[in-house]
Amino acid sequence: MLIIVDKRIPEAAKQKLATYGELLEFSTHDITYDAISGHPDVFFCHTPRELIVAPNTPAEFLRQLELKSIPFTLGENPVGSKYPETARYNAVVTNNSLIHNTSVTEPSILKITLTINLFPLTFNQAYTRCNLIALDEGHFITSDHGIEKALKSRNLEILYVSPEGIMLPGFPNGFFGGCCGVLDDKLFITGSLHYYPEGEKVRQFSTKAGFRVIELYDGPLFDGGGILFINSKS
């Protein structure tokens, strides 16, 4: 198991994550603005078929994927310094759906999702993965009201929680999806729900959906651009 995280997440969180797989501590320089420069969800989109990777992802990280025999496709468009260049890969792709502002979506993601006949669910919020974590095909947690409304329209179980109280250095707050990753029946959160005003709501919703919450360190929720779990073939 390869686990891609922003190099800057708290050390205690990295140590706990390392018990579940091999960490790839991601970082970039002079590609996009500093707050999101190491965010996996800005450079990588995990689809049911393969990983879609921004073509200007530093070569050292592409080599790591190759060494682990992880299938990936380079996207057509690079990550840039401003919107929408920062949101092209920030889609949520489940076994059933592509969830994103499809006017912004990287074409390579669109091609794959069309090939496997995924239902497109589109709305204005292009920073979708930042704001949304899919527990499974029917249960989601978001910190964006537009996403909440769109998923409710499909009769999906969706919990809205406020972004207030989530750390993202350089900004007043981060977003809930950026704190999280899912592996099997476990929801990993970079931080402790004890420090989050709506922590008990998150715990109850996750437990009811059949997921166990794994809190990665004793501190406030930290938006590191998500936690990406990828099965390694090596």
C-alpha atoms as a PDB file:
ATOM      1  CA  MET A   1       0.000   0.000   0.000  1.00  0.00           C
ATOM      2  CA  LEU A   2       1.348   3.403  -1.025  1.00  0.00           C
ATOM      3  CA  ILE A   3      -0.028   6.390   0.903  1.00  0.00           C
ATOM      4  CA  ILE A   4       0.446   9.833  -0.659  1.00  0.00           C
ATOM      5  CA  VAL A   5       0.325  12.784   1.742  1.00  0.00           C
ATOM      6  CA  ASP A   6       1.499  16.371   1.848  1.00  0.00           C
ATOM      7  CA  LYS A   7       4.986  16.380   3.330  1.00  0.00           C
ATOM      8  CA  ARG A   8       3.863  19.101   5.751  1.00  0.00           C
ATOM      9  CA  ILE A   9       1.166  17.198   7.656  1.00  0.00           C
ATOM     10  CA  PRO A  10       2.052  16.769  11.346  1.00  0.00           C
ATOM     11  CA  GLU A  11       4.800  14.231  12.074  1.00  0.00           C
ATOM     12  CA  ALA A  12       2.625  12.306  14.516  1.00  0.00           C
ATOM     13  CA  ALA A  13       0.043  11.799  11.768  1.00  0.00           C
ATOM     14  CA  LYS A  14       2.721  10.506   9.393  1.00  0.00           C
ATOM     15  CA  GLN A  15       3.997   8.072  11.991  1.00  0.00           C
ATOM     16  CA  LYS A  16       0.546   6.596  12.547  1.00  0.00           C
ATOM     17  CA  LEU A  17      -0.208   6.401   8.826  1.00  0.00           C
ATOM     18  CA  ALA A  18       3.077   4.585   8.247  1.00  0.00           C
ATOM     19  CA  THR A  19       1.690   1.610  10.166  1.00  0.00           C
ATOM     20  CA  TYR A  20      -0.802   1.105   7.310  1.00  0.00           C
ATOM     21  CA  GLY A  21       1.560   1.355   4.344  1.00  0.00           C
ATOM     22  CA  GLU A  22       4.527   3.114   2.787  1.00  0.00           C
ATOM     23  CA  LEU A  23       4.350   6.905   2.826  1.00  0.00           C
ATOM     24  CA  LEU A  24       5.117   9.050  -0.192  1.00  0.00           C
ATOM     25  CA  GLU A  25       5.607  12.545   1.210  1.00  0.00           C
ATOM     26  CA  PHE A  26       4.618  14.848  -1.619  1.00  0.00           C
ATOM     27  CA  SER A  27       5.869  18.383  -2.299  1.00  0.00           C
ATOM     28  CA  THR A  28       6.388  20.717  -5.254  1.00  0.00           C
ATOM     29  CA  HIS A  29       8.051  24.081  -5.811  1.00  0.00           C
ATOM     30  CA  ASP A  30       7.225  26.998  -8.122  1.00  0.00           C
ATOM     31  CA  ILE A  31       4.229  25.263  -9.709  1.00  0.00           C
ATOM     32  CA  THR A  32       1.300  26.563  -7.699  1.00  0.00           C
ATOM     33  CA  TYR A  33       0.807  28.657  -4.586  1.00  0.00           C
ATOM     34  CA  ASP A  34       2.444  27.457  -1.407  1.00  0.00           C
ATOM     35  CA  ALA A  35      -0.622  26.503   0.662  1.00  0.00           C
ATOM     36  CA  ILE A  36      -1.602  23.744  -1.780  1.00  0.00           C
ATOM     37  CA  SER A  37       1.798  22.997  -3.350  1.00  0.00           C
ATOM     38  CA  GLY A  38       2.021  19.591  -1.647  1.00  0.00           C
ATOM     39  CA  HIS A  39      -1.652  18.650  -1.796  1.00  0.00           C
ATOM     40  CA  PRO A  40      -2.193  15.250  -3.426  1.00  0.00           C
ATOM     41  CA  ASP A  41      -5.723  16.205  -4.514  1.00  0.00           C
ATOM     42  CA  VAL A  42      -4.341  19.046  -6.654  1.00  0.00           C
ATOM     43  CA  PHE A  43      -1.947  16.832  -8.660  1.00  0.00           C
ATOM     44  CA  PHE A  44      -3.558  13.356  -8.537  1.00  0.00           C
ATOM     45  CA  CYS A  45      -7.027  12.008  -9.272  1.00  0.00           C
ATOM     46  CA  HIS A  46      -7.725   8.444  -8.179  1.00  0.00           C
ATOM     47  CA  THR A  47     -10.204   6.661 -10.461  1.00  0.00           C
ATOM     48  CA  PRO A  48     -11.455   3.043 -10.319  1.00  0.00           C
ATOM     49  CA  ARG A  49      -9.216   2.221 -13.274  1.00  0.00           C
ATOM     50  CA  GLU A  50      -5.987   4.095 -12.607  1.00  0.00           C
ATOM     51  CA  LEU A  51      -4.363   7.196 -11.224  1.00  0.00           C
ATOM     52  CA  ILE A  52      -4.474  10.361 -13.341  1.00  0.00           C
ATOM     53  CA  VAL A  53      -1.425  12.532 -12.675  1.00  0.00           C
ATOM     54  CA  ALA A  54      -0.711  16.124 -13.663  1.00  0.00           C
ATOM     55  CA  PRO A  55       2.059  16.175 -16.310  1.00  0.00           C
ATOM     56  CA  ASN A  56       4.121  18.715 -14.358  1.00  0.00           C
ATOM     57  CA  THR A  57       4.259  16.531 -11.261  1.00  0.00           C
ATOM     58  CA  PRO A  58       7.961  16.392 -10.268  1.00  0.00           C
ATOM     59  CA  ALA A  59       9.779  13.495 -11.926  1.00  0.00           C
ATOM     60  CA  GLU A  60      10.982  12.035  -8.637  1.00  0.00           C
ATOM     61  CA  PHE A  61       7.391  11.218  -7.681  1.00  0.00           C
ATOM     62  CA  LEU A  62       6.570   9.743 -11.080  1.00  0.00           C
ATOM     63  CA  ARG A  63       9.581   7.449 -10.627  1.00  0.00           C
ATOM     64  CA  GLN A  64       8.225   6.303  -7.281  1.00  0.00           C
ATOM     65  CA  LEU A  65       4.914   5.349  -8.880  1.00  0.00           C
ATOM     66  CA  GLU A  66       6.757   3.423 -11.595  1.00  0.00           C
ATOM     67  CA  LEU A  67       8.913   1.606  -9.042  1.00  0.00           C
ATOM     68  CA  LYS A  68       5.752   0.483  -7.252  1.00  0.00           C
ATOM     69  CA  SER A  69       4.176  -0.671 -10.560  1.00  0.00           C
ATOM     70  CA  ILE A  70       1.233   1.637  -9.975  1.00  0.00           C
ATOM     71  CA  PRO A  71      -0.686   2.259 -13.221  1.00  0.00           C
ATOM     72  CA  PHE A  72      -1.025   5.944 -13.995  1.00  0.00           C
ATOM     73  CA  THR A  73      -1.761   8.214 -16.917  1.00  0.00           C
ATOM     74  CA  LEU A  74      -0.328  11.679 -17.353  1.00  0.00           C
ATOM     75  CA  GLY A  75      -3.007  14.300 -17.860  1.00  0.00           C
ATOM     76  CA  GLU A  76      -3.044  16.680 -20.795  1.00  0.00           C
ATOM     77  CA  ASN A  77      -3.022  19.904 -18.779  1.00  0.00           C
ATOM     78  CA  PRO A  78      -0.589  21.008 -16.072  1.00  0.00           C
ATOM     79  CA  VAL A  79      -1.424  22.339 -12.645  1.00  0.00           C
ATOM     80  CA  GLY A  80      -0.967  26.095 -12.619  1.00  0.00           C
ATOM     81  CA  SER A  81      -0.813  28.972 -10.184  1.00  0.00           C
ATOM     82  CA  LYS A  82      -4.462  30.060 -10.267  1.00  0.00           C
ATOM     83  CA  TYR A  83      -8.005  28.796 -10.777  1.00  0.00           C
ATOM     84  CA  PRO A  84      -9.073  26.815 -12.790  1.00  0.00           C
ATOM     85  CA  GLU A  85      -5.543  25.473 -13.315  1.00  0.00           C
ATOM     86  CA  THR A  86      -5.450  24.492  -9.634  1.00  0.00           C
ATOM     87  CA  ALA A  87      -8.719  22.524  -9.741  1.00  0.00           C
ATOM     88  CA  ARG A  88      -8.428  20.332 -12.851  1.00  0.00           C
ATOM     89  CA  TYR A  89      -7.588  17.146 -10.949  1.00  0.00           C
ATOM     90  CA  ASN A  90      -9.666  17.901  -7.854  1.00  0.00           C
ATOM     91  CA  ALA A  91     -12.506  15.549  -8.783  1.00  0.00           C
ATOM     92  CA  VAL A  92     -14.094  12.765  -6.741  1.00  0.00           C
ATOM     93  CA  VAL A  93     -14.475   9.582  -8.767  1.00  0.00           C
ATOM     94  CA  THR A  94     -16.350   6.614  -7.300  1.00  0.00           C
ATOM     95  CA  ASN A  95     -17.303   3.309  -8.892  1.00  0.00           C
ATOM     96  CA  ASN A  96     -20.556   4.926 -10.044  1.00  0.00           C
ATOM     97  CA  SER A  97     -19.963   8.639 -10.484  1.00  0.00           C
ATOM     98  CA  LEU A  98     -17.690  11.464 -11.546  1.00  0.00           C
ATOM     99  CA  ILE A  99     -18.341  14.294  -9.099  1.00  0.00           C
ATOM    100  CA  HIS A 100     -16.841  17.625 -10.195  1.00  0.00           C
ATOM    101  CA  ASN A 101     -17.392  20.830 -12.123  1.00  0.00           C
ATOM    102  CA  THR A 102     -16.998  19.098 -15.481  1.00  0.00           C
ATOM    103  CA  SER A 103     -16.277  22.363 -17.296  1.00  0.00           C
ATOM    104  CA  VAL A 104     -12.963  22.363 -15.401  1.00  0.00           C
ATOM    105  CA  THR A 105     -12.188  18.623 -15.263  1.00  0.00           C
ATOM    106  CA  GLU A 106      -8.928  17.431 -16.820  1.00  0.00           C
ATOM    107  CA  PRO A 107      -9.825  15.739 -20.167  1.00  0.00           C
ATOM    108  CA  SER A 108      -7.981  12.523 -19.262  1.00  0.00           C
ATOM    109  CA  ILE A 109     -10.312  12.077 -16.287  1.00  0.00           C
ATOM    110  CA  LEU A 110     -13.344  12.673 -18.479  1.00  0.00           C
ATOM    111  CA  LYS A 111     -12.115  10.117 -21.025  1.00  0.00           C
ATOM    112  CA  ILE A 112     -11.649   7.385 -18.438  1.00  0.00           C
ATOM    113  CA  THR A 113     -14.980   8.017 -16.746  1.00  0.00           C
ATOM    114  CA  LEU A 114     -16.773   7.973 -20.105  1.00  0.00           C
ATOM    115  CA  THR A 115     -15.077   4.686 -20.974  1.00  0.00           C
ATOM    116  CA  ILE A 116     -16.371   3.021 -17.810  1.00  0.00           C
ATOM    117  CA  ASN A 117     -19.787   4.710 -18.073  1.00  0.00           C
ATOM    118  CA  LEU A 118     -19.749   6.719 -14.859  1.00  0.00           C
ATOM    119  CA  PHE A 119     -22.613   9.083 -14.138  1.00  0.00           C
ATOM    120  CA  PRO A 120     -21.415  12.725 -14.188  1.00  0.00           C
ATOM    121  CA  LEU A 121     -22.615  14.870 -11.310  1.00  0.00           C
ATOM    122  CA  THR A 122     -21.596  18.472 -11.964  1.00  0.00           C
ATOM    123  CA  PHE A 123     -21.946  21.772 -10.098  1.00  0.00           C
ATOM    124  CA  ASN A 124     -20.075  25.048  -9.671  1.00  0.00           C
ATOM    125  CA  GLN A 125     -17.625  23.943  -6.959  1.00  0.00           C
ATOM    126  CA  ALA A 126     -14.504  22.746  -8.779  1.00  0.00           C
ATOM    127  CA  TYR A 127     -12.497  22.181  -5.588  1.00  0.00           C
ATOM    128  CA  THR A 128     -14.593  19.085  -5.075  1.00  0.00           C
ATOM    129  CA  ARG A 129     -12.126  16.688  -3.451  1.00  0.00           C
ATOM    130  CA  CYS A 130     -11.046  19.465  -1.064  1.00  0.00           C
ATOM    131  CA  ASN A 131     -14.645  19.736   0.088  1.00  0.00           C
ATOM    132  CA  LEU A 132     -15.910  16.160  -0.198  1.00  0.00           C
ATOM    133  CA  ILE A 133     -14.988  12.730   1.081  1.00  0.00           C
ATOM    134  CA  ALA A 134     -16.806   9.677  -0.262  1.00  0.00           C
ATOM    135  CA  LEU A 135     -17.080   6.975   2.384  1.00  0.00           C
ATOM    136  CA  ASP A 136     -18.673   4.657  -0.171  1.00  0.00           C
ATOM    137  CA  GLU A 137     -21.098   4.927  -3.086  1.00  0.00           C
ATOM    138  CA  GLY A 138     -23.929   6.170  -0.901  1.00  0.00           C
ATOM    139  CA  HIS A 139     -22.398   8.082   2.024  1.00  0.00           C
ATOM    140  CA  PHE A 140     -20.535  11.390   1.797  1.00  0.00           C
ATOM    141  CA  ILE A 141     -19.287  14.192   4.062  1.00  0.00           C
ATOM    142  CA  THR A 142     -18.834  17.706   2.672  1.00  0.00           C
ATOM    143  CA  SER A 143     -18.029  21.233   3.770  1.00  0.00           C
ATOM    144  CA  ASP A 144     -19.759  22.838   0.761  1.00  0.00           C
ATOM    145  CA  HIS A 145     -23.493  23.569   0.601  1.00  0.00           C
ATOM    146  CA  GLY A 146     -23.590  23.358  -3.201  1.00  0.00           C
ATOM    147  CA  ILE A 147     -22.187  19.840  -3.130  1.00  0.00           C
ATOM    148  CA  GLU A 148     -24.589  18.951  -0.322  1.00  0.00           C
ATOM    149  CA  LYS A 149     -27.560  20.077  -2.405  1.00  0.00           C
ATOM    150  CA  ALA A 150     -26.385  18.245  -5.547  1.00  0.00           C
ATOM    151  CA  LEU A 151     -25.878  14.930  -3.757  1.00  0.00           C
ATOM    152  CA  LYS A 152     -29.143  15.196  -1.878  1.00  0.00           C
ATOM    153  CA  SER A 153     -30.891  15.602  -5.239  1.00  0.00           C
ATOM    154  CA  ARG A 154     -29.704  12.060  -6.035  1.00  0.00           C
ATOM    155  CA  ASN A 155     -31.038  10.755  -2.704  1.00  0.00           C
ATOM    156  CA  LEU A 156     -27.545  10.073  -1.388  1.00  0.00           C
ATOM    157  CA  GLU A 157     -26.701  10.228   2.308  1.00  0.00           C
ATOM    158  CA  ILE A 158     -24.707  13.425   2.763  1.00  0.00           C
ATOM    159  CA  LEU A 159     -23.526  15.139   5.944  1.00  0.00           C
ATOM    160  CA  TYR A 160     -22.638  18.833   5.818  1.00  0.00           C
ATOM    161  CA  VAL A 161     -20.051  20.096   8.328  1.00  0.00           C
ATOM    162  CA  SER A 162     -18.579  23.558   8.656  1.00  0.00           C
ATOM    163  CA  PRO A 163     -15.011  24.258   7.468  1.00  0.00           C
ATOM    164  CA  GLU A 164     -14.457  26.484  10.508  1.00  0.00           C
ATOM    165  CA  GLY A 165     -11.856  25.063  12.852  1.00  0.00           C
ATOM    166  CA  ILE A 166      -9.957  23.200  10.105  1.00  0.00           C
ATOM    167  CA  MET A 167      -6.336  24.308   9.699  1.00  0.00           C
ATOM    168  CA  LEU A 168      -4.830  25.260   6.330  1.00  0.00           C
ATOM    169  CA  PRO A 169      -1.726  27.423   6.807  1.00  0.00           C
ATOM    170  CA  GLY A 170      -2.067  30.673   4.862  1.00  0.00           C
ATOM    171  CA  PHE A 171      -5.892  30.637   4.915  1.00  0.00           C
ATOM    172  CA  PRO A 172      -8.573  31.274   7.572  1.00  0.00           C
ATOM    173  CA  ASN A 173      -9.620  27.636   7.333  1.00  0.00           C
ATOM    174  CA  GLY A 174      -9.284  24.496   5.267  1.00  0.00           C
ATOM    175  CA  PHE A 175     -11.971  22.032   4.196  1.00  0.00           C
ATOM    176  CA  PHE A 176     -13.140  18.715   5.553  1.00  0.00           C
ATOM    177  CA  GLY A 177     -12.343  16.548   2.530  1.00  0.00           C
ATOM    178  CA  GLY A 178      -8.754  17.729   2.614  1.00  0.00           C
ATOM    179  CA  CYS A 179      -8.323  16.239   6.081  1.00  0.00           C
ATOM    180  CA  CYS A 180      -9.391  12.758   5.067  1.00  0.00           C
ATOM    181  CA  GLY A 181      -8.800   9.508   3.258  1.00  0.00           C
ATOM    182  CA  VAL A 182     -10.687   6.216   3.133  1.00  0.00           C
ATOM    183  CA  LEU A 183      -9.245   2.709   3.193  1.00  0.00           C
ATOM    184  CA  ASP A 184     -11.655  -0.223   3.294  1.00  0.00           C
ATOM    185  CA  ASP A 185     -14.037   0.502   6.194  1.00  0.00           C
ATOM    186  CA  LYS A 186     -11.857   3.139   7.832  1.00  0.00           C
ATOM    187  CA  LEU A 187     -12.097   6.935   7.623  1.00  0.00           C
ATOM    188  CA  PHE A 188      -8.706   8.466   8.354  1.00  0.00           C
ATOM    189  CA  ILE A 189      -8.711  12.036   9.654  1.00  0.00           C
ATOM    190  CA  THR A 190      -5.620  14.218  10.029  1.00  0.00           C
ATOM    191  CA  GLY A 191      -6.420  15.443  13.505  1.00  0.00           C
ATOM    192  CA  SER A 192      -8.717  14.607  16.378  1.00  0.00           C
ATOM    193  CA  LEU A 193     -12.481  15.125  16.297  1.00  0.00           C
ATOM    194  CA  HIS A 194     -12.206  16.211  19.916  1.00  0.00           C
ATOM    195  CA  TYR A 195     -10.887  19.584  18.636  1.00  0.00           C
ATOM    196  CA  TYR A 196     -13.569  19.981  15.964  1.00  0.00           C
ATOM    197  CA  PRO A 197     -16.943  21.559  16.888  1.00  0.00           C
ATOM    198  CA  GLU A 198     -18.865  19.103  14.694  1.00  0.00           C
ATOM    199  CA  GLY A 199     -16.695  16.126  15.510  1.00  0.00           C
ATOM    200  CA  GLU A 200     -19.440  14.093  17.133  1.00  0.00           C
ATOM    201  CA  LYS A 201     -21.663  14.507  14.062  1.00  0.00           C
ATOM    202  CA  VAL A 202     -18.861  13.144  11.899  1.00  0.00           C
ATOM    203  CA  ARG A 203     -18.296  10.202  14.215  1.00  0.00           C
ATOM    204  CA  GLN A 204     -21.976   9.289  14.409  1.00  0.00           C
ATOM    205  CA  PHE A 205     -22.535   9.569  10.652  1.00  0.00           C
ATOM    206  CA  SER A 206     -19.434   7.488   9.869  1.00  0.00           C
ATOM    207  CA  THR A 207     -20.284   4.804  12.433  1.00  0.00           C
ATOM    208  CA  LYS A 208     -23.847   4.523  11.131  1.00  0.00           C
ATOM    209  CA  ALA A 209     -22.446   4.069   7.602  1.00  0.00           C
ATOM    210  CA  GLY A 210     -20.247   1.216   8.870  1.00  0.00           C
ATOM    211  CA  PHE A 211     -16.943   3.086   9.037  1.00  0.00           C
ATOM    212  CA  ARG A 212     -14.433   3.320  11.852  1.00  0.00           C
ATOM    213  CA  VAL A 213     -12.813   6.706  12.392  1.00  0.00           C
ATOM    214  CA  ILE A 214      -9.014   6.697  12.682  1.00  0.00           C
ATOM    215  CA  GLU A 215      -7.741   9.962  14.197  1.00  0.00           C
ATOM    216  CA  LEU A 216      -4.123  10.427  13.175  1.00  0.00           C
ATOM    217  CA  TYR A 217      -2.844  12.788  15.840  1.00  0.00           C
ATOM    218  CA  ASP A 218      -3.994  14.646  18.934  1.00  0.00           C
ATOM    219  CA  GLY A 219      -4.608  18.119  17.539  1.00  0.00           C
ATOM    220  CA  PRO A 220      -6.871  20.247  15.318  1.00  0.00           C
ATOM    221  CA  LEU A 221      -8.034  18.955  11.940  1.00  0.00           C
ATOM    222  CA  PHE A 222      -5.393  19.711   9.296  1.00  0.00           C
ATOM    223  CA  ASP A 223      -6.196  20.108   5.602  1.00  0.00           C
ATOM    224  CA  GLY A 224      -3.290  18.511   3.750  1.00  0.00           C
ATOM    225  CA  GLY A 225      -5.075  17.936   0.462  1.00  0.00           C
ATOM    226  CA  GLY A 226      -6.400  14.530   1.375  1.00  0.00           C
ATOM    227  CA  ILE A 227      -4.813  11.152   2.054  1.00  0.00           C
ATOM    228  CA  LEU A 228      -4.477   8.987  -1.034  1.00  0.00           C
ATOM    229  CA  PHE A 229      -4.325   5.201  -0.560  1.00  0.00           C
ATOM    230  CA  ILE A 230      -3.124   3.291  -3.628  1.00  0.00           C
ATOM    231  CA  ASN A 231      -2.625  -0.446  -3.851  1.00  0.00           C
ATOM    232  CA  SER A 232       0.948  -1.207  -4.831  1.00  0.00           C
ATOM    233  CA  LYS A 233       1.726  -4.131  -7.126  1.00  0.00           C
ATOM    234  CA  SER A 234       5.346  -4.483  -6.092  1.00  0.00           C
END
